[in-house]
Amino acid sequence: MESASVVLAGKGYNPEYGILDRMKEKLLHDGFDPEESETYFRGGSVSWMMLGDISAEPYHTGKAVDTRKKLLAMAEDILAERNYLADLGKGEIHVPFPGARGIKFVLKGNNKERGLRHLIGNYGIPAGIILFAGNELFTGGNDNMIRNIADVTLLSVSRGETPGKNVVTGHFEFDGKYFSEVDANLQWMNWAGFRMKQGYPWDAVIHTLRLHGTSVLKNRMMFIKENKGSRELLVKKPSHKNIEVIYFDKGGTLSHRVPLADNGRSQIEEIMDRVGVKGSLDEFSATLDKRNKDYKKWSVENWAEPPEEVIWTRFMLPDFPVEIVRYHAKDLVLLYSHSKGLRQFKPEAKEVIMELSHRGYRMGAITNTVSSVLVPGELDDAGIADYMETLVMSSVTGIRKPDPRLFLLATRLMGIDPYKCAYIGDQVDRDAEGPKRSGFGLGVIIRGKKATFVLEKLDSIQKPDLVVASLKDLLSVFK
């Protein structure tokens, strides 16, 4: 402090009476107590909270709004008088954001956009996997500049955000209480942390948040509310082979595909636009189908599932610029998948899963999928995600069913012995074989309308322990 005072005095400033002192006098003149104000030094900036409280409410009164406008104008006039304090260092000081509460004095060029670009450029962090939570994502707010960085997901946790690309409304009402700012941010971070603990890759967390917004968080909060303490009160009777954990396949078991009205032509057009394809849509679509068939053959033979960017640069679009295909790979997977129809959960799926949970069974999902984000988003959208303690996907592990490593990974994540687990699927070549190879206590196949297998002709490794006609039949098995 003594050294700073010497420098200030040498430049013609009064070390004992600065800008904030003058602003406090104005605050007192307008009927506020300047002793309640607080000052925060943040490295490249100084924030002055004229009312001390970090919450926004006290600043919304008419009197406070009027005084704050006067103080902002006063700060800018003083800084202009002194040439923005340029003679005190390498940069100038300004007040770049009107904001909503504090008055922030910032070193020019030192802002959140600069900091985030530094992370992206210096540490190689892709912008598409960055989640920025802020409370001033509106015109004039000090978080708003992050919009200048393409692909970053912006989570607004306060009212009044300006809508825009990748902006997710993160403030919400639940059970009669309004969540915003710190309270909302805490709920979102808890949700994201839990999803990752379940096995969601981070890009799936981002995708789900973007796609479904506050509905996924409200589903989670409702699940916690409805199930609080219920599991501890359950005294579950041993069921079939003393099973404690039930794992589900997703596609074909919990959900079915519903064709689109245009048979997916709009999705194929979007793929062509993303990668710059010229020519016939039908010919391009046929090429994709042929390459996808070749990829599936390779994948099934090798029990392997590489990441989206590998599938699309090596198998699906090897004759297009690698960087363009890699950049759009996750979206290309979704578009191509949706071109074959949208996955809808069976009407009874949530009812059955909720009932099994109420009976004391723990649950998870093990699924083959070429997308790291599709299944997580679908589970959240259906309100089923919170019943699944873990989610193991071939697209994340690199291996696919029936490889036993996929099933054993799921048991390790839930800390359960395989013989206490059951697996529910619809395809004998992977959903019956995989559990058998893994030592599961029970393998159940739901025989759909399109099933072609003849039970008596199956090899023993692909013969399920039990065949049922529908999901609801599981309630007669796991009592």
Protein backbone atom coordinates (compact mmCIF):
# COMPACT_ATOMS: atom_id res chain seq x y z
CA MET A 1 0.00 0.00 0.00
CA GLU A 2 2.83 2.39 0.86
CA SER A 3 4.52 1.76 -2.50
CA ALA A 4 1.23 2.31 -4.34
CA SER A 5 0.68 5.56 -2.44
CA VAL A 6 4.10 6.82 -3.48
CA VAL A 7 3.38 6.04 -7.16
CA LEU A 8 -0.04 7.72 -7.01
CA ALA A 9 1.33 10.83 -5.33
CA GLY A 10 4.12 11.02 -7.90
CA LYS A 11 1.54 11.03 -10.71
CA GLY A 12 -0.45 13.82 -9.12
CA TYR A 13 -3.17 11.73 -7.44
CA ASN A 14 -4.37 11.95 -3.85
CA PRO A 15 -3.82 8.44 -2.42
CA GLU A 16 -6.32 9.14 0.37
CA TYR A 17 -9.16 10.29 -1.86
CA GLY A 18 -9.95 8.44 -5.05
CA ILE A 19 -12.81 7.69 -7.43
CA LEU A 20 -14.63 5.41 -5.03
CA ASP A 21 -14.47 8.02 -2.27
CA ARG A 22 -16.16 10.54 -4.54
CA MET A 23 -18.79 7.96 -5.51
CA LYS A 24 -19.48 7.14 -1.85
CA GLU A 25 -20.19 10.80 -1.22
CA LYS A 26 -22.77 10.71 -3.99
CA LEU A 27 -24.23 7.52 -2.52
CA LEU A 28 -24.63 9.22 0.87
CA HIS A 29 -26.18 12.27 -0.77
CA ASP A 30 -28.86 10.03 -2.33
CA GLY A 31 -29.77 8.48 1.03
CA PHE A 32 -27.74 5.25 0.97
CA ASP A 33 -25.19 4.12 3.56
CA PRO A 34 -21.76 4.07 1.87
CA GLU A 35 -20.42 1.85 4.67
CA GLU A 36 -22.53 -1.01 3.27
CA SER A 37 -20.74 -0.84 -0.08
CA GLU A 38 -18.12 -3.49 -0.83
CA THR A 39 -15.09 -3.54 -3.11
CA TYR A 40 -13.70 -6.64 -4.80
CA PHE A 41 -10.32 -6.81 -6.54
CA ARG A 42 -10.45 -9.41 -9.34
CA GLY A 43 -6.98 -9.23 -10.86
CA GLY A 44 -7.67 -7.23 -14.01
CA SER A 45 -10.70 -5.42 -12.59
CA VAL A 46 -12.21 -3.85 -9.50
CA SER A 47 -15.92 -4.35 -8.74
CA TRP A 48 -17.69 -1.88 -6.47
CA MET A 49 -21.01 -3.10 -5.07
CA MET A 50 -22.73 0.12 -3.96
CA LEU A 51 -25.28 -1.77 -1.81
CA GLY A 52 -22.96 -4.56 -0.75
CA ASP A 53 -25.47 -7.33 -1.43
CA ILE A 54 -24.46 -9.61 -4.33
CA SER A 55 -28.09 -10.52 -5.05
CA ALA A 56 -29.88 -8.44 -7.68
CA GLU A 57 -33.08 -7.62 -5.79
CA PRO A 58 -31.90 -4.56 -3.81
CA TYR A 59 -30.62 -3.00 -7.03
CA HIS A 60 -34.01 -3.22 -8.75
CA THR A 61 -35.77 -0.55 -6.70
CA GLY A 62 -36.46 2.68 -8.57
CA LYS A 63 -34.29 4.72 -6.21
CA ALA A 64 -31.33 2.32 -6.53
CA VAL A 65 -31.61 2.19 -10.33
CA ASP A 66 -31.62 5.99 -10.56
CA THR A 67 -28.63 6.41 -8.23
CA ARG A 68 -26.69 3.71 -10.02
CA LYS A 69 -27.16 5.45 -13.37
CA LYS A 70 -25.81 8.67 -11.87
CA LEU A 71 -22.82 6.82 -10.39
CA LEU A 72 -22.03 5.12 -13.70
CA ALA A 73 -22.05 8.48 -15.49
CA MET A 74 -19.94 9.96 -12.71
CA ALA A 75 -17.35 7.16 -12.96
CA GLU A 76 -17.08 7.57 -16.72
CA ASP A 77 -16.67 11.35 -16.42
CA ILE A 78 -13.91 11.02 -13.81
CA LEU A 79 -12.04 8.45 -15.89
CA ALA A 80 -12.30 10.67 -18.97
CA GLU A 81 -10.94 13.60 -16.91
CA ARG A 82 -7.90 11.57 -15.96
CA ASN A 83 -7.37 10.04 -19.42
CA TYR A 84 -8.60 6.67 -18.15
CA LEU A 85 -5.65 6.44 -15.75
CA ALA A 86 -3.37 5.58 -18.66
CA ASP A 87 -0.42 7.23 -16.89
CA LEU A 88 -0.54 4.60 -14.11
CA GLY A 89 0.35 1.59 -16.25
CA LYS A 90 0.42 -0.10 -19.62
CA GLY A 91 -3.34 -0.05 -20.21
CA GLU A 92 -6.31 2.16 -19.64
CA ILE A 93 -9.14 1.69 -17.14
CA HIS A 94 -12.76 1.91 -18.25
CA VAL A 95 -16.28 0.89 -17.24
CA PRO A 96 -17.27 -1.31 -20.20
CA PHE A 97 -20.57 -2.77 -18.97
CA PRO A 98 -23.63 -1.10 -17.48
CA GLY A 99 -24.39 -4.46 -15.83
CA ALA A 100 -27.15 -4.88 -13.28
CA ARG A 101 -25.47 -4.42 -9.89
CA GLY A 102 -21.81 -3.67 -9.33
CA ILE A 103 -19.86 -0.97 -11.12
CA LYS A 104 -16.82 -2.63 -12.61
CA PHE A 105 -13.57 -0.81 -13.45
CA VAL A 106 -11.70 -2.95 -15.98
CA LEU A 107 -8.27 -2.89 -17.55
CA LYS A 108 -8.95 -2.50 -21.29
CA GLY A 109 -8.49 -5.75 -23.17
CA ASN A 110 -8.87 -7.80 -19.99
CA ASN A 111 -12.26 -9.46 -20.26
CA LYS A 112 -14.01 -12.81 -20.24
CA GLU A 113 -13.89 -13.24 -23.99
CA ARG A 114 -10.12 -12.78 -23.96
CA GLY A 115 -9.77 -15.27 -21.13
CA LEU A 116 -11.91 -17.89 -22.84
CA ARG A 117 -10.12 -17.47 -26.16
CA HIS A 118 -6.87 -17.96 -24.25
CA LEU A 119 -8.13 -21.30 -22.92
CA ILE A 120 -9.27 -22.41 -26.37
CA GLY A 121 -6.12 -21.31 -28.18
CA ASN A 122 -3.45 -22.17 -25.62
CA TYR A 123 -4.86 -25.39 -24.24
CA GLY A 124 -6.62 -26.77 -27.32
CA ILE A 125 -10.05 -26.94 -25.66
CA PRO A 126 -12.74 -27.15 -28.37
CA ALA A 127 -15.31 -24.38 -28.04
CA GLY A 128 -18.09 -26.90 -28.62
CA ILE A 129 -17.49 -28.61 -25.27
CA ILE A 130 -17.34 -25.40 -23.23
CA LEU A 131 -20.28 -24.51 -21.01
CA PHE A 132 -20.33 -20.89 -19.83
CA ALA A 133 -22.80 -20.08 -17.06
CA GLY A 134 -23.48 -16.39 -16.57
CA ASN A 135 -25.99 -14.00 -15.06
CA GLU A 136 -25.52 -11.10 -17.49
CA LEU A 137 -26.15 -12.58 -20.93
CA PHE A 138 -27.97 -9.52 -22.16
CA THR A 139 -27.00 -6.44 -24.15
CA GLY A 140 -24.60 -4.46 -21.97
CA GLY A 141 -24.00 -7.38 -19.58
CA ASN A 142 -20.42 -8.34 -18.80
CA ASP A 143 -21.01 -11.97 -19.87
CA ASN A 144 -22.54 -11.08 -23.22
CA MET A 145 -19.24 -10.88 -25.09
CA ILE A 146 -18.91 -14.67 -24.88
CA ARG A 147 -21.46 -14.78 -27.71
CA ASN A 148 -18.60 -13.70 -29.98
CA ILE A 149 -17.04 -17.16 -29.60
CA ALA A 150 -18.82 -19.60 -31.90
CA ASP A 151 -20.04 -22.96 -30.54
CA VAL A 152 -19.75 -22.16 -26.80
CA THR A 153 -22.93 -23.13 -24.91
CA LEU A 154 -24.24 -20.22 -22.85
CA LEU A 155 -26.31 -21.01 -19.76
CA SER A 156 -28.19 -17.94 -18.53
CA VAL A 157 -29.02 -18.20 -14.83
CA SER A 158 -30.78 -14.85 -14.46
CA ARG A 159 -33.84 -13.19 -15.95
CA GLY A 160 -33.66 -10.96 -18.97
CA GLU A 161 -31.18 -12.79 -21.18
CA THR A 162 -31.15 -11.85 -24.83
CA PRO A 163 -32.12 -14.94 -26.88
CA GLY A 164 -29.62 -16.18 -29.41
CA LYS A 165 -27.72 -19.12 -30.81
CA ASN A 166 -26.56 -21.61 -28.16
CA VAL A 167 -28.17 -19.60 -25.34
CA VAL A 168 -30.01 -21.85 -22.87
CA THR A 169 -32.42 -20.39 -20.32
CA GLY A 170 -31.18 -21.72 -17.00
CA HIS A 171 -33.42 -19.94 -14.48
CA PHE A 172 -36.66 -21.70 -13.67
CA GLU A 173 -39.47 -22.31 -11.22
CA PHE A 174 -39.90 -25.63 -9.43
CA ASP A 175 -42.28 -26.66 -6.70
CA GLY A 176 -43.31 -23.07 -5.98
CA LYS A 177 -39.75 -21.72 -5.75
CA TYR A 178 -37.95 -19.62 -8.32
CA PHE A 179 -34.32 -20.61 -8.97
CA SER A 180 -31.94 -18.05 -10.43
CA GLU A 181 -28.33 -16.91 -10.21
CA VAL A 182 -26.35 -18.86 -7.57
CA ASP A 183 -29.26 -21.18 -6.71
CA ALA A 184 -29.90 -22.06 -10.35
CA ASN A 185 -26.22 -22.52 -11.11
CA LEU A 186 -25.83 -24.91 -8.16
CA GLN A 187 -28.72 -27.05 -9.40
CA TRP A 188 -27.28 -27.19 -12.93
CA MET A 189 -23.80 -28.14 -11.74
CA ASN A 190 -25.28 -30.89 -9.55
CA TRP A 191 -27.24 -32.18 -12.54
CA ALA A 192 -24.18 -32.15 -14.82
CA GLY A 193 -22.02 -33.85 -12.19
CA PHE A 194 -24.58 -36.59 -11.66
CA ARG A 195 -24.95 -37.22 -15.38
CA MET A 196 -21.18 -37.64 -15.72
CA LYS A 197 -21.17 -40.00 -12.75
CA GLN A 198 -23.81 -42.06 -14.58
CA GLY A 199 -21.49 -42.35 -17.57
CA TYR A 200 -22.59 -39.48 -19.79
CA PRO A 201 -19.61 -38.10 -21.72
CA TRP A 202 -19.29 -34.35 -21.31
CA ASP A 203 -20.33 -33.61 -24.90
CA ALA A 204 -23.55 -35.54 -24.21
CA VAL A 205 -24.19 -33.37 -21.15
CA ILE A 206 -23.78 -30.26 -23.32
CA HIS A 207 -25.96 -31.67 -26.11
CA THR A 208 -28.73 -32.68 -23.70
CA LEU A 209 -28.70 -29.28 -22.01
CA ARG A 210 -28.91 -27.49 -25.37
CA LEU A 211 -31.63 -29.73 -26.71
CA HIS A 212 -33.95 -29.99 -23.71
CA GLY A 213 -33.16 -27.02 -21.45
CA THR A 214 -34.71 -26.80 -18.00
CA SER A 215 -36.98 -29.82 -18.52
CA VAL A 216 -34.09 -32.21 -17.82
CA LEU A 217 -33.22 -30.43 -14.59
CA LYS A 218 -36.84 -30.38 -13.44
CA ASN A 219 -37.10 -34.11 -14.18
CA ARG A 220 -34.07 -34.70 -11.97
CA MET A 221 -35.42 -32.53 -9.16
CA MET A 222 -38.81 -34.25 -9.36
CA PHE A 223 -37.13 -37.65 -9.23
CA ILE A 224 -35.23 -36.65 -6.08
CA LYS A 225 -38.38 -35.27 -4.49
CA GLU A 226 -40.50 -38.32 -5.25
CA ASN A 227 -37.85 -40.87 -4.28
CA LYS A 228 -36.33 -39.17 -1.25
CA GLY A 229 -35.93 -41.82 1.42
CA SER A 230 -38.08 -44.38 -0.42
CA ARG A 231 -35.24 -46.76 -1.24
CA GLU A 232 -34.14 -46.92 2.40
CA LEU A 233 -37.68 -47.89 3.45
CA LEU A 234 -37.99 -50.74 0.95
CA VAL A 235 -37.63 -54.31 2.09
CA LYS A 236 -37.32 -56.10 -1.22
CA LYS A 237 -38.11 -59.77 -1.44
CA PRO A 238 -35.61 -61.83 -3.44
CA SER A 239 -36.86 -62.23 -7.01
CA HIS A 240 -35.81 -64.34 -9.94
CA LYS A 241 -32.31 -65.69 -9.11
CA ASN A 242 -31.89 -62.97 -6.45
CA ILE A 243 -31.33 -60.29 -9.10
CA GLU A 244 -30.50 -56.84 -7.65
CA VAL A 245 -29.59 -54.84 -10.76
CA ILE A 246 -31.41 -54.76 -14.09
CA TYR A 247 -29.65 -53.40 -17.18
CA PHE A 248 -31.56 -52.41 -20.31
CA ASP A 249 -30.77 -52.20 -23.99
CA LYS A 250 -32.31 -49.04 -25.47
CA GLY A 251 -33.15 -49.22 -29.18
CA GLY A 252 -35.83 -51.84 -29.86
CA THR A 253 -36.21 -52.62 -26.18
CA LEU A 254 -37.23 -49.35 -24.57
CA SER A 255 -37.87 -47.45 -27.80
CA HIS A 256 -38.91 -47.98 -31.39
CA ARG A 257 -38.29 -46.03 -34.57
CA VAL A 258 -41.00 -43.84 -36.11
CA PRO A 259 -40.47 -42.86 -39.80
CA LEU A 260 -40.43 -39.18 -40.74
CA ALA A 261 -43.03 -37.69 -43.08
CA ASP A 262 -40.44 -36.95 -45.77
CA ASN A 263 -38.55 -40.22 -45.20
CA GLY A 264 -35.57 -38.31 -43.91
CA ARG A 265 -34.86 -36.28 -47.05
CA SER A 266 -34.48 -33.03 -45.12
CA GLN A 267 -31.83 -34.64 -42.89
CA ILE A 268 -29.87 -35.88 -45.91
CA GLU A 269 -30.11 -32.40 -47.46
CA GLU A 270 -28.66 -30.97 -44.24
CA ILE A 271 -25.74 -33.42 -44.38
CA MET A 272 -25.06 -32.41 -47.99
CA ASP A 273 -25.12 -28.75 -46.99
CA ARG A 274 -22.78 -29.26 -44.01
CA VAL A 275 -20.04 -30.95 -46.02
CA GLY A 276 -20.61 -29.23 -49.38
CA VAL A 277 -22.02 -32.12 -51.41
CA LYS A 278 -23.27 -31.29 -54.90
CA GLY A 279 -25.48 -33.50 -57.03
CA SER A 280 -28.38 -35.89 -56.59
CA LEU A 281 -29.82 -36.32 -53.11
CA ASP A 282 -31.02 -39.84 -53.93
CA GLU A 283 -27.61 -40.94 -55.18
CA PHE A 284 -25.87 -39.45 -52.15
CA SER A 285 -28.38 -41.08 -49.80
CA ALA A 286 -27.84 -44.44 -51.48
CA THR A 287 -24.08 -44.02 -51.12
CA LEU A 288 -24.44 -43.30 -47.40
CA ASP A 289 -26.66 -46.36 -46.95
CA LYS A 290 -24.15 -48.60 -48.71
CA ARG A 291 -21.25 -47.24 -46.66
CA ASN A 292 -23.24 -47.52 -43.45
CA LYS A 293 -23.98 -51.16 -44.25
CA ASP A 294 -20.27 -51.79 -44.81
CA TYR A 295 -19.44 -50.06 -41.55
CA LYS A 296 -22.03 -52.12 -39.63
CA LYS A 297 -20.56 -55.33 -41.05
CA TRP A 298 -17.07 -54.30 -39.95
CA SER A 299 -18.33 -53.17 -36.55
CA VAL A 300 -20.26 -56.38 -35.84
CA GLU A 301 -17.38 -58.60 -36.95
CA ASN A 302 -14.88 -56.74 -34.77
CA TRP A 303 -17.13 -55.93 -31.79
CA ALA A 304 -15.84 -52.36 -32.20
CA GLU A 305 -17.39 -48.87 -32.24
CA PRO A 306 -14.98 -46.03 -32.98
CA PRO A 307 -15.84 -42.39 -32.20
CA GLU A 308 -18.14 -40.42 -34.50
CA GLU A 309 -15.32 -38.56 -36.24
CA VAL A 310 -13.57 -41.84 -37.13
CA ILE A 311 -16.76 -43.44 -38.48
CA TRP A 312 -17.49 -40.48 -40.71
CA THR A 313 -13.96 -39.72 -41.93
CA ARG A 314 -13.00 -43.36 -42.49
CA PHE A 315 -16.24 -45.12 -43.47
CA MET A 316 -19.03 -42.70 -44.37
CA LEU A 317 -17.36 -39.72 -46.10
CA PRO A 318 -13.72 -40.68 -46.72
CA ASP A 319 -13.71 -38.72 -50.00
CA PHE A 320 -14.53 -35.35 -48.40
CA PRO A 321 -12.24 -32.89 -46.55
CA VAL A 322 -11.26 -34.51 -43.27
CA GLU A 323 -11.37 -31.31 -41.18
CA ILE A 324 -14.88 -30.41 -42.34
CA VAL A 325 -16.23 -33.92 -41.74
CA ARG A 326 -14.52 -34.19 -38.36
CA TYR A 327 -15.91 -30.81 -37.25
CA HIS A 328 -19.49 -31.80 -38.10
CA ALA A 329 -19.20 -35.51 -37.20
CA LYS A 330 -21.45 -35.53 -34.12
CA ASP A 331 -24.19 -33.67 -35.97
CA LEU A 332 -23.79 -35.86 -39.05
CA VAL A 333 -24.39 -38.97 -36.94
CA LEU A 334 -27.57 -37.46 -35.50
CA LEU A 335 -28.83 -36.31 -38.89
CA TYR A 336 -28.25 -39.66 -40.52
CA SER A 337 -29.82 -41.53 -37.61
CA HIS A 338 -32.87 -39.27 -37.67
CA SER A 339 -33.19 -39.72 -41.43
CA LYS A 340 -34.11 -43.34 -40.68
CA GLY A 341 -36.79 -42.25 -38.22
CA LEU A 342 -37.00 -40.78 -34.75
CA ARG A 343 -36.68 -43.02 -31.71
CA GLN A 344 -39.73 -42.85 -29.47
CA PHE A 345 -39.95 -44.57 -26.13
CA LYS A 346 -42.61 -47.21 -25.84
CA PRO A 347 -45.65 -45.94 -23.92
CA GLU A 348 -45.12 -48.45 -21.10
CA ALA A 349 -41.35 -47.93 -20.75
CA LYS A 350 -41.34 -45.27 -18.04
CA GLU A 351 -44.18 -46.94 -16.12
CA VAL A 352 -42.30 -50.27 -15.99
CA ILE A 353 -39.00 -48.68 -15.01
CA MET A 354 -40.61 -46.60 -12.26
CA GLU A 355 -42.35 -49.68 -10.87
CA LEU A 356 -39.14 -51.72 -10.89
CA SER A 357 -37.42 -48.87 -9.06
CA HIS A 358 -40.20 -48.75 -6.47
CA ARG A 359 -39.76 -52.48 -5.96
CA GLY A 360 -36.16 -51.84 -5.01
CA TYR A 361 -34.27 -52.77 -8.15
CA ARG A 362 -31.30 -50.71 -9.24
CA MET A 363 -31.05 -50.08 -12.98
CA GLY A 364 -28.66 -49.07 -15.73
CA ALA A 365 -28.36 -49.10 -19.50
CA ILE A 366 -25.87 -50.85 -21.80
CA THR A 367 -26.32 -49.98 -25.45
CA ASN A 368 -24.70 -50.13 -28.85
CA THR A 369 -24.85 -46.70 -30.45
CA VAL A 370 -22.76 -44.77 -32.98
CA SER A 371 -23.48 -41.47 -31.20
CA SER A 372 -22.12 -40.26 -27.88
CA VAL A 373 -24.97 -37.79 -27.43
CA LEU A 374 -28.12 -39.40 -28.91
CA VAL A 375 -29.06 -41.93 -26.20
CA PRO A 376 -28.33 -39.63 -23.23
CA GLY A 377 -30.59 -36.96 -24.71
CA GLU A 378 -33.35 -39.46 -25.41
CA LEU A 379 -33.24 -40.88 -21.87
CA ASP A 380 -33.44 -37.39 -20.40
CA ASP A 381 -36.25 -36.35 -22.71
CA ALA A 382 -38.28 -39.42 -21.73
CA GLY A 383 -37.81 -38.76 -18.00
CA ILE A 384 -36.00 -42.09 -17.59
CA ALA A 385 -32.38 -40.95 -17.17
CA ASP A 386 -32.57 -40.51 -13.41
CA TYR A 387 -33.61 -44.11 -12.87
CA MET A 388 -30.43 -45.32 -14.59
CA GLU A 389 -27.48 -45.33 -12.23
CA THR A 390 -25.08 -45.85 -15.08
CA LEU A 391 -25.05 -45.62 -18.87
CA VAL A 392 -22.47 -47.62 -20.82
CA MET A 393 -22.33 -46.88 -24.56
CA SER A 394 -20.30 -48.54 -27.28
CA SER A 395 -19.57 -45.13 -28.82
CA VAL A 396 -17.74 -44.08 -25.66
CA THR A 397 -15.98 -47.34 -24.75
CA GLY A 398 -14.99 -48.27 -28.32
CA ILE A 399 -16.36 -51.82 -27.89
CA ARG A 400 -19.84 -53.09 -28.65
CA LYS A 401 -22.13 -55.87 -27.53
CA PRO A 402 -21.78 -58.81 -27.22
CA ASP A 403 -18.24 -58.10 -25.98
CA PRO A 404 -18.36 -59.05 -22.28
CA ARG A 405 -16.10 -56.12 -21.38
CA LEU A 406 -19.03 -53.76 -21.98
CA PHE A 407 -21.24 -55.62 -19.51
CA LEU A 408 -18.51 -56.10 -16.91
CA LEU A 409 -17.67 -52.39 -17.07
CA ALA A 410 -21.30 -51.63 -16.15
CA THR A 411 -21.15 -53.98 -13.14
CA ARG A 412 -17.90 -52.43 -11.93
CA LEU A 413 -19.36 -48.95 -12.19
CA MET A 414 -22.28 -50.01 -9.99
CA GLY A 415 -20.21 -52.18 -7.66
CA ILE A 416 -22.27 -55.32 -8.22
CA ASP A 417 -21.39 -58.96 -8.93
CA PRO A 418 -22.46 -60.04 -12.45
CA TYR A 419 -24.48 -63.02 -11.17
CA LYS A 420 -26.76 -60.56 -9.36
CA CYS A 421 -27.54 -58.77 -12.63
CA ALA A 422 -30.13 -59.21 -15.36
CA TYR A 423 -30.03 -57.84 -18.88
CA ILE A 424 -33.08 -56.98 -20.97
CA GLY A 425 -32.76 -56.74 -24.75
CA ASP A 426 -34.38 -57.67 -28.04
CA GLN A 427 -31.56 -59.17 -30.16
CA VAL A 428 -30.25 -62.64 -29.31
CA ASP A 429 -26.91 -62.19 -31.11
CA ARG A 430 -25.86 -59.46 -28.72
CA ASP A 431 -28.45 -59.09 -25.95
CA ALA A 432 -28.51 -62.78 -24.99
CA GLU A 433 -24.91 -63.66 -25.87
CA GLY A 434 -23.34 -60.70 -24.09
CA PRO A 435 -24.85 -61.38 -20.64
CA LYS A 436 -24.01 -65.09 -20.91
CA ARG A 437 -20.38 -64.34 -21.72
CA SER A 438 -20.30 -61.93 -18.78
CA GLY A 439 -21.72 -64.30 -16.16
CA PHE A 440 -24.98 -62.40 -15.66
CA GLY A 441 -27.58 -64.12 -13.53
CA LEU A 442 -30.34 -63.67 -16.08
CA GLY A 443 -30.72 -62.73 -19.74
CA VAL A 444 -34.19 -61.74 -20.95
CA ILE A 445 -35.23 -61.18 -24.56
CA ILE A 446 -38.36 -59.23 -25.41
CA ARG A 447 -39.69 -60.90 -28.51
CA GLY A 448 -40.95 -58.12 -30.74
CA LYS A 449 -43.22 -58.43 -33.76
CA LYS A 450 -40.23 -58.52 -36.12
CA ALA A 451 -38.32 -61.23 -34.23
CA THR A 452 -37.25 -64.08 -36.52
CA PHE A 453 -35.25 -66.34 -34.23
CA VAL A 454 -36.35 -69.90 -33.47
CA LEU A 455 -35.47 -70.59 -29.86
CA GLU A 456 -34.79 -74.30 -30.35
CA LYS A 457 -32.31 -73.65 -33.17
CA LEU A 458 -30.17 -71.08 -31.33
CA ASP A 459 -26.65 -71.88 -30.19
CA SER A 460 -26.46 -72.21 -26.43
CA ILE A 461 -24.43 -68.99 -26.15
CA GLN A 462 -27.26 -67.03 -27.83
CA LYS A 463 -30.14 -68.77 -26.10
CA PRO A 464 -31.78 -66.40 -23.58
CA ASP A 465 -32.75 -67.57 -20.12
CA LEU A 466 -36.19 -66.13 -20.60
CA VAL A 467 -38.32 -64.79 -23.47
CA VAL A 468 -41.21 -62.40 -22.83
CA ALA A 469 -43.68 -60.68 -25.13
CA SER A 470 -43.48 -57.11 -23.80
CA LEU A 471 -41.87 -54.77 -21.31
CA LYS A 472 -44.87 -55.08 -19.00
CA ASP A 473 -44.18 -58.80 -18.67
CA LEU A 474 -41.04 -57.89 -16.73
CA LEU A 475 -43.24 -56.95 -13.80
CA SER A 476 -44.29 -60.59 -13.54
CA VAL A 477 -40.64 -61.69 -13.57
CA PHE A 478 -39.14 -59.19 -11.15
CA LYS A 479 -41.68 -59.15 -8.34
